[in-house]
Protein backbone atom coordinates (compact mmCIF):
# COMPACT_ATOMS: atom_id res chain seq x y z
CA UNK A 1 0.02 0.43 0.16
CA UNK A 2 2.56 2.46 0.98
CA UNK A 3 5.69 3.15 -1.73
CA UNK A 4 8.31 4.06 -0.27
CA UNK A 5 10.04 6.02 -3.43
CA UNK A 6 6.30 7.39 -4.54
CA UNK A 7 5.28 10.88 -4.93
CA UNK A 8 3.94 11.48 -1.52
CA UNK A 9 6.29 11.28 1.20
CA UNK A 10 5.67 8.23 3.75
CA UNK A 11 4.41 10.21 6.96
CA UNK A 12 1.79 11.70 3.96
CA UNK A 13 0.96 8.40 2.87
CA UNK A 14 0.04 7.04 6.53
CA UNK A 15 -1.94 10.36 7.40
CA UNK A 16 -3.70 9.18 4.34
CA UNK A 17 -4.55 5.95 5.25
CA UNK A 18 -5.29 7.02 8.64
CA UNK A 19 -1.93 4.58 9.78
CA UNK A 20 0.48 5.04 12.45
CA UNK A 21 3.79 5.43 11.22
CA UNK A 22 5.15 2.93 13.94
CA UNK A 23 3.11 0.48 12.51
CA UNK A 24 3.80 0.63 9.19
CA UNK A 25 7.71 0.53 10.43
CA UNK A 26 7.15 -1.79 12.66
CA UNK A 27 9.07 -5.52 12.59
CA UNK A 28 8.09 -8.16 14.65
CA UNK A 29 10.27 -10.26 16.98
CA UNK A 30 10.87 -13.91 16.29
CA UNK A 31 9.56 -16.10 19.22
CA UNK A 32 13.02 -16.66 21.58
CA UNK A 33 12.94 -21.02 22.06
CA UNK A 34 12.59 -20.28 25.76
CA UNK A 35 9.46 -19.01 24.86
CA UNK A 36 8.54 -22.10 22.89
CA UNK A 37 9.46 -24.59 25.30
CA UNK A 38 7.40 -21.94 27.89
CA UNK A 39 4.41 -22.46 24.95
CA UNK A 40 5.01 -25.83 24.98
CA UNK A 41 4.50 -26.66 28.85
CA UNK A 42 1.60 -23.95 29.18
CA UNK A 43 -0.57 -25.45 26.44
CA UNK A 44 -0.02 -29.57 28.15
CA UNK A 45 -1.13 -27.87 31.28
CA UNK A 46 -3.83 -25.95 30.33
CA UNK A 47 -5.40 -29.58 28.50
CA UNK A 48 -5.23 -30.82 32.39
CA UNK A 49 -6.77 -28.09 33.81
CA UNK A 50 -8.45 -25.02 32.13
CA UNK A 51 -9.58 -23.13 35.28
CA UNK A 52 -5.73 -22.03 36.19
CA UNK A 53 -5.24 -18.25 35.22
CA UNK A 54 -1.97 -16.44 35.33
CA UNK A 55 -1.58 -16.50 39.20
CA UNK A 56 -2.28 -20.39 38.39
CA UNK A 57 0.40 -21.12 36.09
CA UNK A 58 3.66 -18.66 37.65
CA UNK A 59 3.20 -20.88 40.53
CA UNK A 60 2.70 -23.85 38.77
CA UNK A 61 6.06 -22.92 36.75
CA UNK A 62 7.39 -22.09 40.02
CA UNK A 63 7.10 -25.61 41.73
CA UNK A 64 8.81 -26.85 38.20
CA UNK A 65 12.16 -24.96 39.21
CA UNK A 66 11.35 -22.68 36.36
CA UNK A 67 11.53 -18.43 37.37
CA UNK A 68 8.31 -16.51 36.01
CA UNK A 69 6.44 -13.83 37.20
CA UNK A 70 2.86 -13.40 36.87
CA UNK A 71 3.57 -10.93 33.75
CA UNK A 72 5.51 -13.45 31.67
CA UNK A 73 2.84 -16.05 32.26
CA UNK A 74 0.37 -13.49 31.10
CA UNK A 75 1.57 -12.14 28.10
CA UNK A 76 1.91 -16.53 27.14
CA UNK A 77 -1.58 -16.84 28.07
CA UNK A 78 -2.52 -14.10 25.46
CA UNK A 79 -0.29 -15.39 22.91
CA UNK A 80 -1.46 -18.81 23.25
CA UNK A 81 -5.65 -17.11 23.57
CA UNK A 82 -5.32 -19.25 26.60
CA UNK A 83 -8.65 -17.81 28.54
CA UNK A 84 -9.52 -18.74 32.13
CA UNK A 85 -12.43 -20.07 32.98
CA UNK A 86 -13.24 -20.23 36.03
CA UNK A 87 -15.89 -16.71 36.84
CA UNK A 88 -15.45 -13.63 36.91
CA UNK A 89 -16.59 -10.84 39.15
CA UNK A 90 -19.76 -9.18 38.55
CA UNK A 91 -20.26 -7.02 40.98
CA UNK A 92 -21.24 -4.12 38.84
CA UNK A 93 -24.26 -5.45 36.73
CA UNK A 94 -27.24 -4.66 39.13
CA UNK A 95 -31.07 -7.10 39.08
CA UNK A 96 -33.33 -6.11 37.58
CA UNK A 97 -35.43 -6.92 40.28
CA UNK A 98 -33.58 -4.58 42.74
CA UNK A 99 -34.74 -0.62 43.23
CA UNK A 100 -33.07 1.79 42.44
CA UNK A 101 -32.50 4.67 43.82
CA UNK A 102 -31.60 7.77 42.14
CA UNK A 103 -29.51 9.40 44.87
CA UNK A 104 -27.12 6.37 43.57
CA UNK A 105 -26.99 7.08 39.62
């Protein structure tokens, strides 16, 4: 889409396409072999325990003598597309049977 040596500058071409220049210049990084091993282990564990979240995976990795934090576990989960099936908080959803007080809205 963007021609490097066109009549318009690359900046102007990005503006016309509503594309951030950082997106145009972005070069995807390859996944390291160490992360591929971790992804494989996490995928196998996910098939055993579907309810696990990032904290559970971080603890599980630490029990396997692999120092891995919650944020790294969360990042790996996003890479695999894993979402925990455990119930999520529903604190903001009100019941239709309850009366709504105007001073609270």
